[in-house]
């Protein structure tokens, strides 16, 4: 048969009212419970000792017993965790008063009860925190100084509890020293044991993390295997699908070249077949690239974004008049240069491909947003309707029919995939009178190094 205290005595409802994540607060409550009952037993013991030993029983033993009852009632009246800080303070001050009162009949500054002050100070820091702990420690210091003064210069203190007998005084010292050592040792043992709420929570969290890590390792291994299978499948599927498409395209070309007596209608249909086959070949290439792009651009280095943009623009400017401005605030990032270059290339290519102006104007800007950089690429094109702001990022989605404007519709989808890989987001703000602005955030792989200089300037370059 196992003996257990009633729930009302243990205050389990109060304990449960403390948030389970607040492990320190739960730990404080347990320490409070231990100290309350310990202090009550000490008060009862001191009362009995005084009642038996003092030749003239005065109010003092009854006052000590009263303080013990105060400590008990202070514990029992707690109904909710919100009342605990005040209860902690009442209990500790009551314990200090008990030691102060007992010291008058136990030798003043020379009482063995002073050893218990160290335990009270330790408990006060645990229960009240740093400020409350120093407050109780200050009161204990004032008590010691006061006892020194009255023991040295007055007759307010005595060893009357021990009938001025040296043997009883020595026994009291021995008892108090051993009990105070035992109290502190028991508390320290509890705090580092598995019964400690904090340690138990830490151990549970550690075990949970180890379990999650093992699951993640297994899932990563499984994911790598599946990625390898998908890569193999995509390569085989693309190769097997593209082979007949290229055959269809080649046969269409051969028929158109060899047969001169084809009707106009037949000729047009063969041209459509040839174009559809070539388009399908491009779509398969785009699909294969989309599936692999975030796993092939993972080499990191320091990147001067301004230099990167100039290189991209010089490539596109070979076939199009481009005017551009680059903010002086462009950073130097530690990231994947190929991934960042691909994102900017797709946005610049989008501006060039869909322009309705003779000269394409593109503005680049950047600013720091929390731990990420936010970039913007603004063009002077026809703009994008609000209903298409999400559609343009979906693979194979185009705003115009492919018979009108040939495009795979994969560029912006690839850009968004790379931005997400860099823990960022991409979105559009558009004005059909002033063009489109693409915004995206980008987080570095490691420590960021910003380019020096805060001046904001723009320059325009007209390239033929």
Protein backbone atom coordinates (compact mmCIF):
# COMPACT_ATOMS: atom_id res chain seq x y z
CA UNK A 1 0.00 0.00 0.00
CA UNK A 2 1.43 3.36 -1.07
CA UNK A 3 0.92 6.39 1.15
CA UNK A 4 0.23 9.71 -0.56
CA UNK A 5 -0.82 13.10 0.75
CA UNK A 6 -4.26 14.49 -0.20
CA UNK A 7 -4.40 16.67 -3.32
CA UNK A 8 -5.57 19.60 -1.20
CA UNK A 9 -2.35 19.46 0.82
CA UNK A 10 -0.16 19.06 -2.25
CA UNK A 11 -2.06 21.84 -4.06
CA UNK A 12 -2.07 19.95 -7.35
CA UNK A 13 -4.71 22.25 -8.84
CA UNK A 14 -2.47 25.25 -8.18
CA UNK A 15 0.45 23.38 -9.72
CA UNK A 16 -1.63 22.52 -12.80
CA UNK A 17 -2.74 26.16 -13.16
CA UNK A 18 0.88 27.05 -13.92
CA UNK A 19 1.54 26.83 -17.66
CA UNK A 20 3.33 23.55 -18.42
CA UNK A 21 5.89 25.51 -20.46
CA UNK A 22 6.74 27.67 -17.42
CA UNK A 23 9.00 25.01 -15.93
CA UNK A 24 10.84 27.49 -13.69
CA UNK A 25 7.57 28.65 -12.13
CA UNK A 26 6.53 25.04 -11.51
CA UNK A 27 9.91 24.41 -9.92
CA UNK A 28 9.44 27.42 -7.63
CA UNK A 29 6.08 26.10 -6.46
CA UNK A 30 7.56 22.74 -5.48
CA UNK A 31 10.37 24.47 -3.55
CA UNK A 32 7.73 26.68 -1.87
CA UNK A 33 5.78 23.60 -0.80
CA UNK A 34 8.88 21.91 0.65
CA UNK A 35 9.98 25.03 2.55
CA UNK A 36 6.49 25.71 3.95
CA UNK A 37 6.21 22.32 5.63
CA UNK A 38 9.84 22.36 6.75
CA UNK A 39 9.43 25.80 8.34
CA UNK A 40 6.19 24.69 10.05
CA UNK A 41 7.93 21.69 11.64
CA UNK A 42 10.81 23.91 12.80
CA UNK A 43 8.36 26.34 14.44
CA UNK A 44 6.56 23.51 16.25
CA UNK A 45 9.89 22.08 17.43
CA UNK A 46 11.10 25.46 18.70
CA UNK A 47 7.79 26.07 20.47
CA UNK A 48 8.01 22.69 22.25
CA UNK A 49 11.65 23.30 23.17
CA UNK A 50 10.89 26.74 24.63
CA UNK A 51 7.80 25.54 26.49
CA UNK A 52 9.82 22.76 28.15
CA UNK A 53 13.15 24.54 28.73
CA UNK A 54 12.24 28.10 29.73
CA UNK A 55 11.71 28.51 33.46
CA UNK A 56 9.45 31.49 32.88
CA UNK A 57 7.32 30.83 29.79
CA UNK A 58 6.42 34.18 28.25
CA UNK A 59 4.84 35.26 24.97
CA UNK A 60 7.85 34.27 22.82
CA UNK A 61 7.16 30.53 22.25
CA UNK A 62 3.54 31.28 21.41
CA UNK A 63 4.62 33.96 18.95
CA UNK A 64 6.92 31.42 17.25
CA UNK A 65 4.04 28.96 17.05
CA UNK A 66 1.84 31.74 15.64
CA UNK A 67 4.43 32.40 12.89
CA UNK A 68 4.40 28.68 12.04
CA UNK A 69 0.61 28.87 11.66
CA UNK A 70 1.02 31.95 9.46
CA UNK A 71 3.33 29.96 7.18
CA UNK A 72 0.83 27.07 7.07
CA UNK A 73 -2.20 29.27 6.38
CA UNK A 74 -0.20 31.21 3.79
CA UNK A 75 0.36 27.91 1.95
CA UNK A 76 -3.15 26.49 2.33
CA UNK A 77 -4.97 29.65 1.21
CA UNK A 78 -3.35 29.62 -2.24
CA UNK A 79 -6.02 29.04 -4.89
CA UNK A 80 -4.27 30.12 -8.09
CA UNK A 81 -0.76 30.55 -9.41
CA UNK A 82 -1.23 34.33 -9.67
CA UNK A 83 -1.13 34.50 -5.84
CA UNK A 84 2.22 32.72 -5.53
CA UNK A 85 4.71 35.66 -5.63
CA UNK A 86 3.05 37.28 -2.60
CA UNK A 87 2.90 33.93 -0.77
CA UNK A 88 6.62 33.36 -1.39
CA UNK A 89 7.46 36.72 0.18
CA UNK A 90 5.20 36.17 3.23
CA UNK A 91 6.73 32.76 3.89
CA UNK A 92 10.35 33.95 3.69
CA UNK A 93 9.79 37.02 5.88
CA UNK A 94 7.97 34.85 8.46
CA UNK A 95 10.94 32.48 8.53
CA UNK A 96 13.32 35.41 9.08
CA UNK A 97 11.18 36.67 11.98
CA UNK A 98 11.23 33.18 13.57
CA UNK A 99 15.04 33.11 13.50
CA UNK A 100 15.18 36.66 14.80
CA UNK A 101 12.90 35.91 17.77
CA UNK A 102 14.62 32.63 18.67
CA UNK A 103 18.02 34.36 18.67
CA UNK A 104 17.10 36.36 21.82
CA UNK A 105 17.01 33.23 24.02
CA UNK A 106 19.67 31.26 22.11
CA UNK A 107 22.71 33.53 22.37
CA UNK A 108 21.99 36.45 20.02
CA UNK A 109 24.82 36.72 17.51
CA UNK A 110 26.20 33.40 18.74
CA UNK A 111 23.06 31.32 18.11
CA UNK A 112 23.40 28.22 15.98
CA UNK A 113 20.13 29.17 14.24
CA UNK A 114 22.09 31.71 12.20
CA UNK A 115 23.25 28.85 9.99
CA UNK A 116 19.68 28.55 8.69
CA UNK A 117 19.99 32.08 7.27
CA UNK A 118 22.04 30.67 4.39
CA UNK A 119 19.20 28.29 3.48
CA UNK A 120 16.66 31.14 3.57
CA UNK A 121 18.84 33.26 1.29
CA UNK A 122 19.19 30.39 -1.20
CA UNK A 123 15.44 29.81 -1.18
CA UNK A 124 14.75 33.53 -1.61
CA UNK A 125 16.80 33.76 -4.80
CA UNK A 126 15.05 30.67 -6.16
CA UNK A 127 11.53 31.87 -5.29
CA UNK A 128 11.75 35.64 -5.71
CA UNK A 129 14.40 36.01 -8.36
CA UNK A 130 17.41 38.29 -8.28
CA UNK A 131 15.81 41.43 -6.84
CA UNK A 132 13.76 39.56 -4.23
CA UNK A 133 16.77 37.45 -3.28
CA UNK A 134 18.91 40.50 -2.63
CA UNK A 135 16.08 42.03 -0.61
CA UNK A 136 15.90 39.00 1.73
CA UNK A 137 19.71 38.82 1.87
CA UNK A 138 19.76 42.48 2.94
CA UNK A 139 17.24 41.79 5.72
CA UNK A 140 19.36 38.86 6.92
CA UNK A 141 22.43 41.12 6.96
CA UNK A 142 20.58 43.76 8.99
CA UNK A 143 19.49 41.02 11.43
CA UNK A 144 23.07 39.82 11.92
CA UNK A 145 24.42 43.35 12.49
CA UNK A 146 21.59 44.13 14.91
CA UNK A 147 22.23 40.90 16.87
CA UNK A 148 25.93 41.73 17.04
CA UNK A 149 25.22 45.16 18.52
CA UNK A 150 22.69 44.05 21.14
CA UNK A 151 24.79 40.98 22.07
CA UNK A 152 27.86 43.16 22.56
CA UNK A 153 26.37 46.19 24.29
CA UNK A 154 23.08 45.13 25.96
CA UNK A 155 21.66 42.30 28.03
CA UNK A 156 18.72 41.72 25.67
CA UNK A 157 20.05 38.31 24.61
CA UNK A 158 20.92 35.20 26.60
CA UNK A 159 21.21 31.40 26.48
CA UNK A 160 18.16 31.02 28.73
CA UNK A 161 16.67 28.38 26.40
CA UNK A 162 19.58 26.13 27.42
CA UNK A 163 19.74 27.18 31.09
CA UNK A 164 23.15 28.74 30.35
CA UNK A 165 24.63 25.23 30.12
CA UNK A 166 27.62 24.88 27.79
CA UNK A 167 26.87 21.25 26.92
CA UNK A 168 23.35 22.11 25.77
CA UNK A 169 24.64 25.11 23.84
CA UNK A 170 27.19 22.90 22.06
CA UNK A 171 24.51 20.33 21.30
CA UNK A 172 22.33 23.07 19.81
CA UNK A 173 25.21 24.26 17.63
CA UNK A 174 25.84 20.72 16.46
CA UNK A 175 22.17 20.13 15.72
CA UNK A 176 21.69 23.42 13.84
CA UNK A 177 24.86 23.01 11.80
CA UNK A 178 23.98 19.46 10.78
CA UNK A 179 20.35 20.34 10.01
CA UNK A 180 21.28 23.41 7.94
CA UNK A 181 23.87 21.36 6.01
CA UNK A 182 21.28 18.63 5.51
CA UNK A 183 18.66 21.12 4.31
CA UNK A 184 20.98 22.73 1.79
CA UNK A 185 22.33 19.35 0.62
CA UNK A 186 18.82 17.92 0.22
CA UNK A 187 17.75 20.97 -1.77
CA UNK A 188 20.84 20.79 -3.98
CA UNK A 189 20.33 17.06 -4.48
CA UNK A 190 16.72 17.63 -5.50
CA UNK A 191 17.61 20.42 -7.92
CA UNK A 192 20.02 18.20 -9.86
CA UNK A 193 17.91 15.04 -9.70
CA UNK A 194 15.41 13.66 -12.20
CA UNK A 195 12.60 14.81 -9.88
CA UNK A 196 13.52 18.41 -10.65
CA UNK A 197 10.81 19.84 -12.93
CA UNK A 198 13.30 21.86 -14.95
CA UNK A 199 15.72 18.98 -15.42
CA UNK A 200 12.86 16.62 -16.23
CA UNK A 201 11.59 19.05 -18.86
CA UNK A 202 15.07 19.46 -20.31
CA UNK A 203 15.57 15.69 -20.44
CA UNK A 204 12.18 15.21 -22.08
CA UNK A 205 12.97 17.93 -24.60
CA UNK A 206 16.36 16.35 -25.28
CA UNK A 207 14.80 12.94 -25.84
CA UNK A 208 12.14 14.47 -28.07
CA UNK A 209 14.77 16.33 -30.09
CA UNK A 210 16.81 13.17 -30.47
CA UNK A 211 13.72 11.33 -31.69
CA UNK A 212 12.86 14.13 -34.12
CA UNK A 213 16.46 14.27 -35.36
CA UNK A 214 16.42 10.54 -36.04
CA UNK A 215 13.16 10.94 -37.94
CA UNK A 216 14.61 13.87 -39.90
CA UNK A 217 17.73 11.88 -40.79
CA UNK A 218 15.56 8.99 -41.98
CA UNK A 219 13.30 11.35 -43.93
CA UNK A 220 16.26 13.17 -45.47
CA UNK A 221 17.74 9.88 -46.59
CA UNK A 222 14.38 8.85 -47.99
CA UNK A 223 13.99 12.26 -49.65
CA UNK A 224 17.43 12.02 -51.24
CA UNK A 225 16.56 8.60 -52.61
CA UNK A 226 13.25 9.89 -53.97
CA UNK A 227 14.96 12.95 -55.47
CA UNK A 228 17.47 10.71 -57.17
CA UNK A 229 14.63 8.53 -58.48
CA UNK A 230 12.76 11.64 -59.68
CA UNK A 231 15.88 12.97 -61.42
CA UNK A 232 16.34 9.63 -63.13
CA UNK A 233 12.66 9.46 -64.03
CA UNK A 234 12.64 13.04 -65.35
CA UNK A 235 15.74 12.41 -67.46
CA UNK A 236 14.41 9.15 -68.88
CA UNK A 237 10.93 10.56 -69.42
CA UNK A 238 12.26 13.69 -71.09
CA UNK A 239 14.58 11.67 -73.31
CA UNK A 240 11.93 9.12 -74.24
CA UNK A 241 9.28 11.77 -74.89
CA UNK A 242 11.54 14.11 -76.78
CA UNK A 243 12.79 11.38 -79.12
CA UNK A 244 9.42 10.81 -80.86
CA UNK A 245 8.69 14.56 -80.81
CA UNK A 246 11.95 15.27 -82.60
CA UNK A 247 11.17 12.47 -85.04
CA UNK A 248 7.78 14.06 -85.72
CA UNK A 249 9.42 17.43 -86.23
CA UNK A 250 12.12 16.02 -88.47
CA UNK A 251 9.60 14.05 -90.57
CA UNK A 252 7.47 17.16 -90.94
CA UNK A 253 10.51 19.11 -92.15
CA UNK A 254 11.41 16.35 -94.61
CA UNK A 255 7.88 16.19 -96.03
CA UNK A 256 7.75 19.95 -96.44
CA UNK A 257 11.12 19.96 -98.19
CA UNK A 258 10.56 16.90 -100.43
CA UNK A 259 6.91 17.21 -101.36
CA UNK A 260 6.29 20.15 -103.70
CA UNK A 261 2.73 19.22 -104.70
CA UNK A 262 1.17 19.59 -101.25
CA UNK A 263 -1.99 21.62 -101.02
CA UNK A 264 -1.91 24.86 -99.10
CA UNK A 265 -4.07 23.35 -96.37
CA UNK A 266 -1.81 20.30 -95.97
CA UNK A 267 1.24 22.50 -95.93
CA UNK A 268 -0.21 24.62 -93.14
CA UNK A 269 -1.16 21.58 -91.08
CA UNK A 270 2.35 20.12 -91.39
CA UNK A 271 3.81 23.45 -90.28
CA UNK A 272 1.52 23.40 -87.25
CA UNK A 273 2.63 19.84 -86.43
CA UNK A 274 6.27 20.85 -86.72
CA UNK A 275 5.83 23.92 -84.50
CA UNK A 276 3.86 21.98 -81.89
CA UNK A 277 6.56 19.31 -81.78
CA UNK A 278 9.27 21.96 -81.30
CA UNK A 279 7.16 23.66 -78.63
CA UNK A 280 6.62 20.40 -76.78
CA UNK A 281 10.37 19.79 -76.88
CA UNK A 282 10.97 23.18 -75.26
CA UNK A 283 8.27 22.56 -72.63
CA UNK A 284 9.85 19.26 -71.69
CA UNK A 285 13.24 20.96 -71.38
CA UNK A 286 11.67 23.67 -69.18
CA UNK A 287 9.94 21.07 -67.01
CA UNK A 288 13.18 19.16 -66.54
CA UNK A 289 15.03 22.36 -65.64
CA UNK A 290 12.28 23.43 -63.22
CA UNK A 291 12.46 20.11 -61.38
CA UNK A 292 16.22 20.32 -60.97
CA UNK A 293 17.01 24.01 -60.64
CA UNK A 294 17.02 24.29 -56.82
CA UNK A 295 19.35 21.28 -56.48
CA UNK A 296 21.92 22.37 -59.02
CA UNK A 297 22.69 25.93 -57.82
CA UNK A 298 24.07 25.33 -54.32
CA UNK A 299 27.64 26.60 -54.48
CA UNK A 300 28.04 29.73 -52.35
CA UNK A 301 30.41 32.66 -52.55
CA UNK A 302 30.50 36.43 -52.01
CA UNK A 303 28.53 38.24 -54.71
CA UNK A 304 28.67 41.92 -55.65
CA UNK A 305 25.06 42.40 -56.72
CA UNK A 306 25.80 45.56 -58.70
CA UNK A 307 28.46 43.82 -60.81
CA UNK A 308 26.13 40.85 -61.26
CA UNK A 309 23.39 43.12 -62.64
CA UNK A 310 25.73 44.91 -65.03
CA UNK A 311 26.81 41.55 -66.48
CA UNK A 312 23.19 40.42 -66.94
CA UNK A 313 22.17 43.69 -68.59
CA UNK A 314 25.13 43.69 -70.99
CA UNK A 315 24.02 40.26 -72.25
CA UNK A 316 20.42 41.35 -72.87
CA UNK A 317 21.48 44.69 -74.37
CA UNK A 318 23.00 42.94 -77.37
CA UNK A 319 19.56 42.57 -78.96
CA UNK A 320 17.59 45.39 -77.34
CA UNK A 321 17.99 49.05 -76.41
CA UNK A 322 18.11 49.11 -72.61
CA UNK A 323 18.38 51.99 -70.19
CA UNK A 324 18.87 51.03 -66.57
CA UNK A 325 19.53 52.51 -63.16
CA UNK A 326 21.12 50.69 -60.23
CA UNK A 327 20.89 51.95 -56.68
CA UNK A 328 24.21 52.58 -54.95
CA UNK A 329 22.87 50.64 -51.97
CA UNK A 330 23.30 47.28 -53.69
CA UNK A 331 24.87 44.89 -51.16
CA UNK A 332 27.59 42.29 -51.19
CA UNK A 333 26.05 38.95 -50.29
CA UNK A 334 27.29 35.50 -49.39
CA UNK A 335 24.92 33.36 -51.42
CA UNK A 336 24.62 31.21 -54.54
CA UNK A 337 25.73 33.50 -57.38
CA UNK A 338 24.15 31.27 -60.03
CA UNK A 339 20.79 31.22 -58.24
CA UNK A 340 20.67 34.99 -57.69
CA UNK A 341 21.85 35.61 -61.26
CA UNK A 342 19.12 33.32 -62.59
CA UNK A 343 16.40 35.19 -60.67
CA UNK A 344 17.55 38.60 -61.94
CA UNK A 345 18.02 37.19 -65.48
CA UNK A 346 14.45 35.91 -65.55
CA UNK A 347 13.08 39.27 -64.35
CA UNK A 348 15.18 41.25 -66.83
CA UNK A 349 14.33 38.78 -69.61
CA UNK A 350 10.65 39.15 -68.77
CA UNK A 351 10.93 42.95 -69.06
CA UNK A 352 12.76 42.70 -72.41
CA UNK A 353 10.56 39.97 -73.90
CA UNK A 354 7.20 41.58 -73.14
CA UNK A 355 8.07 45.25 -73.73
CA UNK A 356 5.87 47.46 -75.87
CA UNK A 357 8.45 50.25 -76.04
CA UNK A 358 11.36 50.83 -78.37
CA UNK A 359 13.65 51.33 -75.39
CA UNK A 360 13.36 49.18 -72.30
CA UNK A 361 13.90 51.06 -69.05
CA UNK A 362 14.69 49.04 -65.94
CA UNK A 363 15.33 50.30 -62.42
CA UNK A 364 16.97 48.21 -59.68
CA UNK A 365 16.75 49.04 -55.98
CA UNK A 366 17.48 47.27 -52.70
CA UNK A 367 17.06 47.80 -48.98
CA UNK A 368 17.55 45.73 -45.82
CA UNK A 369 14.39 44.27 -44.28
CA UNK A 370 15.05 42.54 -40.95
CA UNK A 371 17.55 39.76 -41.70
CA UNK A 372 16.83 39.74 -45.45
CA UNK A 373 17.48 41.97 -48.43
CA UNK A 374 14.52 43.17 -50.47
CA UNK A 375 15.17 43.84 -54.16
CA UNK A 376 12.91 45.47 -56.73
CA UNK A 377 13.08 45.35 -60.53
CA UNK A 378 10.88 47.93 -62.24
CA UNK A 379 10.25 48.12 -66.00
CA UNK A 380 8.34 50.45 -68.31
CA UNK A 381 6.35 47.70 -70.04
CA UNK A 382 2.59 47.27 -70.48
CA UNK A 383 2.03 46.13 -66.90
CA UNK A 384 0.21 43.09 -65.57
CA UNK A 385 -3.43 43.01 -64.57
CA UNK A 386 -4.22 42.36 -60.91
CA UNK A 387 -5.99 39.12 -61.82
CA UNK A 388 -2.73 37.74 -63.25
CA UNK A 389 -0.36 38.59 -60.38
CA UNK A 390 -0.30 35.00 -59.15
CA UNK A 391 -0.89 33.27 -62.47
CA UNK A 392 2.40 34.50 -63.95
CA UNK A 393 4.35 32.49 -61.35
CA UNK A 394 2.66 29.19 -62.25
CA UNK A 395 4.72 27.00 -64.56
CA UNK A 396 3.52 26.90 -68.21
CA UNK A 397 1.07 29.75 -67.58
CA UNK A 398 1.29 32.59 -70.12
CA UNK A 399 -0.76 35.77 -70.42
CA UNK A 400 -0.92 35.48 -74.21
CA UNK A 401 -1.66 32.47 -76.39
CA UNK A 402 1.51 30.70 -77.48
CA UNK A 403 0.45 31.00 -81.12
CA UNK A 404 0.55 34.79 -80.60
CA UNK A 405 3.72 34.92 -78.50
CA UNK A 406 5.95 31.86 -78.13
CA UNK A 407 6.98 31.27 -74.48
CA UNK A 408 7.34 28.23 -72.23
CA UNK A 409 5.93 30.08 -69.22
CA UNK A 410 8.60 28.59 -66.95
CA UNK A 411 10.91 31.56 -66.33
CA UNK A 412 9.00 33.26 -63.50
CA UNK A 413 8.09 29.89 -61.97
CA UNK A 414 11.80 29.05 -61.80
CA UNK A 415 12.53 32.48 -60.31
CA UNK A 416 9.94 31.98 -57.57
CA UNK A 417 11.28 28.50 -56.79
CA UNK A 418 14.81 29.89 -56.35
CA UNK A 419 13.55 32.76 -54.19
CA UNK A 420 11.71 30.32 -51.92
CA UNK A 421 14.88 28.24 -51.71
CA UNK A 422 16.62 31.35 -50.34
CA UNK A 423 13.87 31.69 -47.68
CA UNK A 424 12.33 34.64 -49.49
CA UNK A 425 9.10 35.74 -51.16
CA UNK A 426 8.38 37.28 -54.56
CA UNK A 427 5.43 39.47 -55.55
CA UNK A 428 4.30 42.09 -58.06
CA UNK A 429 3.14 45.68 -57.89
CA UNK A 430 1.90 46.94 -61.24
CA UNK A 431 0.64 50.04 -62.96
CA UNK A 432 -0.49 49.51 -66.53
CA UNK A 433 0.52 53.10 -67.34
CA UNK A 434 4.00 52.92 -65.80
CA UNK A 435 4.94 49.25 -66.07
CA UNK A 436 5.54 46.44 -63.58
CA UNK A 437 7.71 46.15 -60.46
CA UNK A 438 8.83 42.74 -59.25
CA UNK A 439 9.81 42.62 -55.57
CA UNK A 440 11.58 39.74 -53.88
CA UNK A 441 13.36 39.09 -50.58
CA UNK A 442 16.60 37.14 -50.33
CA UNK A 443 18.39 35.73 -47.30
CA UNK A 444 22.12 35.09 -47.24
CA UNK A 445 23.54 31.62 -46.72
CA UNK A 446 25.74 32.90 -43.87
CA UNK A 447 27.01 36.22 -42.50
CA UNK A 448 26.07 39.32 -44.47
CA UNK A 449 28.60 41.87 -45.73
CA UNK A 450 27.00 45.09 -46.89
CA UNK A 451 28.63 47.34 -49.48
CA UNK A 452 29.77 50.60 -47.89
CA UNK A 453 28.13 53.88 -48.75
CA UNK A 454 24.69 55.28 -48.05
CA UNK A 455 24.40 57.79 -50.89
CA UNK A 456 21.56 57.03 -53.28
CA UNK A 457 22.30 57.90 -56.93
CA UNK A 458 21.10 56.76 -60.30
CA UNK A 459 22.77 56.74 -63.67
CA UNK A 460 21.30 56.12 -67.07
CA UNK A 461 23.13 54.29 -69.87
CA UNK A 462 21.81 54.10 -73.37
CA UNK A 463 23.10 51.10 -75.25
CA UNK A 464 22.51 50.54 -78.92
